[in-house]
């Protein structure tokens, strides 16, 4: 069973909005920080946003601050990414990720690339047209 499943991607015009969801298969994910990572065509994966297990201290990449909002519903084992004022440069496959060793959003933002994450979804494609 895939532990993390993303949904909500699609094609949207610049300036539009999308809401991504990441459903976790197990309640243990409510104890982990959760993050969104994206990968644009021909580019490396980059951090987008993270949220602590408690929902506190969301952390964002500078490129999405003020436009994206991460949230979570631990009762539903789901993490959301509300994306507003989308730009063509937001076009990417968006992945959610988690690791049992990381409970804090800022820590996830710092260590995800260096140490890797144990759990990844398969991604959902977001395409923003100009």
C-alpha atoms as a PDB file:
ATOM      1  CA  UNK A   1       0.000   0.000   0.000  1.00  0.00           C
ATOM      2  CA  UNK A   2       1.348   3.381  -1.004  1.00  0.00           C
ATOM      3  CA  UNK A   3       1.761   5.352   2.189  1.00  0.00           C
ATOM      4  CA  UNK A   4       1.214   8.794   0.664  1.00  0.00           C
ATOM      5  CA  UNK A   5      -1.110   9.637  -2.218  1.00  0.00           C
ATOM      6  CA  UNK A   6      -1.320  13.110  -3.752  1.00  0.00           C
ATOM      7  CA  UNK A   7      -4.274  14.490  -5.676  1.00  0.00           C
ATOM      8  CA  UNK A   8      -5.645  17.779  -6.944  1.00  0.00           C
ATOM      9  CA  UNK A   9      -3.188  18.635  -9.679  1.00  0.00           C
ATOM     10  CA  UNK A  10      -4.267  19.834 -13.085  1.00  0.00           C
ATOM     11  CA  UNK A  11      -4.084  22.572 -15.678  1.00  0.00           C
ATOM     12  CA  UNK A  12      -4.796  26.125 -14.581  1.00  0.00           C
ATOM     13  CA  UNK A  13      -4.238  29.572 -16.043  1.00  0.00           C
ATOM     14  CA  UNK A  14      -1.772  31.965 -14.513  1.00  0.00           C
ATOM     15  CA  UNK A  15      -3.381  33.745 -11.572  1.00  0.00           C
ATOM     16  CA  UNK A  16      -5.594  30.800 -10.800  1.00  0.00           C
ATOM     17  CA  UNK A  17      -5.737  28.486  -7.808  1.00  0.00           C
ATOM     18  CA  UNK A  18      -5.465  24.804  -7.027  1.00  0.00           C
ATOM     19  CA  UNK A  19      -5.682  22.810  -3.826  1.00  0.00           C
ATOM     20  CA  UNK A  20      -3.516  19.753  -3.507  1.00  0.00           C
ATOM     21  CA  UNK A  21      -4.182  16.972  -1.034  1.00  0.00           C
ATOM     22  CA  UNK A  22      -1.913  14.285   0.343  1.00  0.00           C
ATOM     23  CA  UNK A  23      -3.633  11.352   2.007  1.00  0.00           C
ATOM     24  CA  UNK A  24      -1.596   9.188   4.349  1.00  0.00           C
ATOM     25  CA  UNK A  25      -2.449   5.545   4.706  1.00  0.00           C
ATOM     26  CA  UNK A  26      -1.581   5.299   8.385  1.00  0.00           C
ATOM     27  CA  UNK A  27      -2.398   7.358  11.445  1.00  0.00           C
ATOM     28  CA  UNK A  28       1.290   7.358  12.415  1.00  0.00           C
ATOM     29  CA  UNK A  29       1.802  10.143   9.883  1.00  0.00           C
ATOM     30  CA  UNK A  30      -0.017  12.454  12.262  1.00  0.00           C
ATOM     31  CA  UNK A  31       3.151  12.377  14.358  1.00  0.00           C
ATOM     32  CA  UNK A  32       5.430  13.488  11.504  1.00  0.00           C
ATOM     33  CA  UNK A  33       6.137  16.810   9.896  1.00  0.00           C
ATOM     34  CA  UNK A  34       4.828  16.752   6.333  1.00  0.00           C
ATOM     35  CA  UNK A  35       6.315  18.530   3.368  1.00  0.00           C
ATOM     36  CA  UNK A  36       5.596  19.407  -0.237  1.00  0.00           C
ATOM     37  CA  UNK A  37       8.482  19.157  -2.659  1.00  0.00           C
ATOM     38  CA  UNK A  38       8.217  19.908  -6.372  1.00  0.00           C
ATOM     39  CA  UNK A  39      10.176  19.098  -9.482  1.00  0.00           C
ATOM     40  CA  UNK A  40       9.890  21.164 -12.611  1.00  0.00           C
ATOM     41  CA  UNK A  41      10.798  19.688 -16.008  1.00  0.00           C
ATOM     42  CA  UNK A  42      14.551  19.412 -16.361  1.00  0.00           C
ATOM     43  CA  UNK A  43      15.226  20.725 -12.875  1.00  0.00           C
ATOM     44  CA  UNK A  44      16.110  19.338  -9.481  1.00  0.00           C
ATOM     45  CA  UNK A  45      13.514  18.822  -6.804  1.00  0.00           C
ATOM     46  CA  UNK A  46      12.979  21.871  -4.632  1.00  0.00           C
ATOM     47  CA  UNK A  47      11.337  22.456  -1.283  1.00  0.00           C
ATOM     48  CA  UNK A  48       7.943  24.174  -1.318  1.00  0.00           C
ATOM     49  CA  UNK A  49       6.362  24.026   2.141  1.00  0.00           C
ATOM     50  CA  UNK A  50       6.295  22.024   5.352  1.00  0.00           C
ATOM     51  CA  UNK A  51       4.126  21.777   8.438  1.00  0.00           C
ATOM     52  CA  UNK A  52       4.938  20.373  11.852  1.00  0.00           C
ATOM     53  CA  UNK A  53       3.078  17.387  13.248  1.00  0.00           C
ATOM     54  CA  UNK A  54       0.978  19.712  15.434  1.00  0.00           C
ATOM     55  CA  UNK A  55       0.184  22.082  12.595  1.00  0.00           C
ATOM     56  CA  UNK A  56       2.390  24.782  14.057  1.00  0.00           C
ATOM     57  CA  UNK A  57       5.116  26.789  12.362  1.00  0.00           C
ATOM     58  CA  UNK A  58       4.462  26.284   8.659  1.00  0.00           C
ATOM     59  CA  UNK A  59       7.606  26.894   6.659  1.00  0.00           C
ATOM     60  CA  UNK A  60       7.681  28.080   3.072  1.00  0.00           C
ATOM     61  CA  UNK A  61      10.130  28.563   0.262  1.00  0.00           C
ATOM     62  CA  UNK A  62      10.604  32.241  -0.538  1.00  0.00           C
ATOM     63  CA  UNK A  63       9.210  31.660  -4.016  1.00  0.00           C
ATOM     64  CA  UNK A  64       5.774  30.689  -2.685  1.00  0.00           C
ATOM     65  CA  UNK A  65       5.418  32.802   0.464  1.00  0.00           C
ATOM     66  CA  UNK A  66       2.203  34.746   0.494  1.00  0.00           C
ATOM     67  CA  UNK A  67       0.710  32.616  -2.290  1.00  0.00           C
ATOM     68  CA  UNK A  68       0.710  29.052  -0.923  1.00  0.00           C
ATOM     69  CA  UNK A  69      -0.708  27.797   2.365  1.00  0.00           C
ATOM     70  CA  UNK A  70      -0.002  24.396   3.876  1.00  0.00           C
ATOM     71  CA  UNK A  71      -2.380  22.852   6.382  1.00  0.00           C
ATOM     72  CA  UNK A  72      -3.229  19.476   7.810  1.00  0.00           C
ATOM     73  CA  UNK A  73      -6.107  17.512   9.243  1.00  0.00           C
ATOM     74  CA  UNK A  74      -4.665  14.808  11.461  1.00  0.00           C
ATOM     75  CA  UNK A  75      -8.082  13.290  12.075  1.00  0.00           C
ATOM     76  CA  UNK A  76      -8.265  12.629   8.333  1.00  0.00           C
ATOM     77  CA  UNK A  77      -4.533  11.871   7.889  1.00  0.00           C
ATOM     78  CA  UNK A  78      -4.413  14.489   5.164  1.00  0.00           C
ATOM     79  CA  UNK A  79      -2.182  17.431   4.320  1.00  0.00           C
ATOM     80  CA  UNK A  80      -3.237  20.209   1.978  1.00  0.00           C
ATOM     81  CA  UNK A  81      -1.471  22.774  -0.139  1.00  0.00           C
ATOM     82  CA  UNK A  82      -3.625  25.711  -1.192  1.00  0.00           C
ATOM     83  CA  UNK A  83      -1.959  27.411  -4.133  1.00  0.00           C
ATOM     84  CA  UNK A  84      -3.150  30.861  -5.162  1.00  0.00           C
ATOM     85  CA  UNK A  85      -1.893  33.385  -7.705  1.00  0.00           C
ATOM     86  CA  UNK A  86      -0.224  30.592  -9.624  1.00  0.00           C
ATOM     87  CA  UNK A  87       2.562  31.430 -12.051  1.00  0.00           C
ATOM     88  CA  UNK A  88       3.916  29.472 -15.018  1.00  0.00           C
ATOM     89  CA  UNK A  89       7.083  28.862 -13.011  1.00  0.00           C
ATOM     90  CA  UNK A  90       5.017  26.883 -10.511  1.00  0.00           C
ATOM     91  CA  UNK A  91       4.561  24.195 -13.154  1.00  0.00           C
ATOM     92  CA  UNK A  92       5.958  20.980 -11.701  1.00  0.00           C
ATOM     93  CA  UNK A  93       5.175  17.591 -10.269  1.00  0.00           C
ATOM     94  CA  UNK A  94       4.313  18.121  -6.620  1.00  0.00           C
ATOM     95  CA  UNK A  95       5.238  15.429  -4.130  1.00  0.00           C
ATOM     96  CA  UNK A  96       4.380  15.098  -0.472  1.00  0.00           C
ATOM     97  CA  UNK A  97       6.974  13.576   1.796  1.00  0.00           C
ATOM     98  CA  UNK A  98       7.523  12.595   5.402  1.00  0.00           C
ATOM     99  CA  UNK A  99      10.070  10.960   7.638  1.00  0.00           C
ATOM    100  CA  UNK A 100       9.517   9.440  11.111  1.00  0.00           C
ATOM    101  CA  UNK A 101      12.592  11.262  12.425  1.00  0.00           C
ATOM    102  CA  UNK A 102      11.251  14.726  11.543  1.00  0.00           C
ATOM    103  CA  UNK A 103       8.436  16.372  13.477  1.00  0.00           C
ATOM    104  CA  UNK A 104       9.294  20.033  12.914  1.00  0.00           C
ATOM    105  CA  UNK A 105       8.578  21.951   9.723  1.00  0.00           C
ATOM    106  CA  UNK A 106      11.777  23.984   9.653  1.00  0.00           C
ATOM    107  CA  UNK A 107      13.869  20.871  10.245  1.00  0.00           C
ATOM    108  CA  UNK A 108      12.206  19.192   7.296  1.00  0.00           C
ATOM    109  CA  UNK A 109      12.975  22.182   5.101  1.00  0.00           C
ATOM    110  CA  UNK A 110      16.632  22.016   6.086  1.00  0.00           C
ATOM    111  CA  UNK A 111      17.389  18.289   6.001  1.00  0.00           C
ATOM    112  CA  UNK A 112      15.165  16.810   3.325  1.00  0.00           C
ATOM    113  CA  UNK A 113      17.668  17.101   0.522  1.00  0.00           C
ATOM    114  CA  UNK A 114      20.769  16.162   2.513  1.00  0.00           C
ATOM    115  CA  UNK A 115      19.411  13.154   4.350  1.00  0.00           C
ATOM    116  CA  UNK A 116      16.459  12.139   2.232  1.00  0.00           C
ATOM    117  CA  UNK A 117      12.938  11.318   3.318  1.00  0.00           C
ATOM    118  CA  UNK A 118      11.643   7.837   4.060  1.00  0.00           C
ATOM    119  CA  UNK A 119       8.191   8.319   2.539  1.00  0.00           C
ATOM    120  CA  UNK A 120       7.249   9.885  -0.776  1.00  0.00           C
ATOM    121  CA  UNK A 121       4.066   9.974  -2.778  1.00  0.00           C
ATOM    122  CA  UNK A 122       4.056   9.421  -6.528  1.00  0.00           C
ATOM    123  CA  UNK A 123       3.318  13.053  -7.224  1.00  0.00           C
ATOM    124  CA  UNK A 124       0.620  15.111  -8.888  1.00  0.00           C
ATOM    125  CA  UNK A 125       1.246  17.308 -11.926  1.00  0.00           C
ATOM    126  CA  UNK A 126       0.450  21.004 -11.801  1.00  0.00           C
ATOM    127  CA  UNK A 127       0.597  22.893 -15.081  1.00  0.00           C
ATOM    128  CA  UNK A 128       0.162  26.662 -15.124  1.00  0.00           C
ATOM    129  CA  UNK A 129      -0.401  28.214 -18.525  1.00  0.00           C
ATOM    130  CA  UNK A 130       0.513  31.805 -19.317  1.00  0.00           C
END
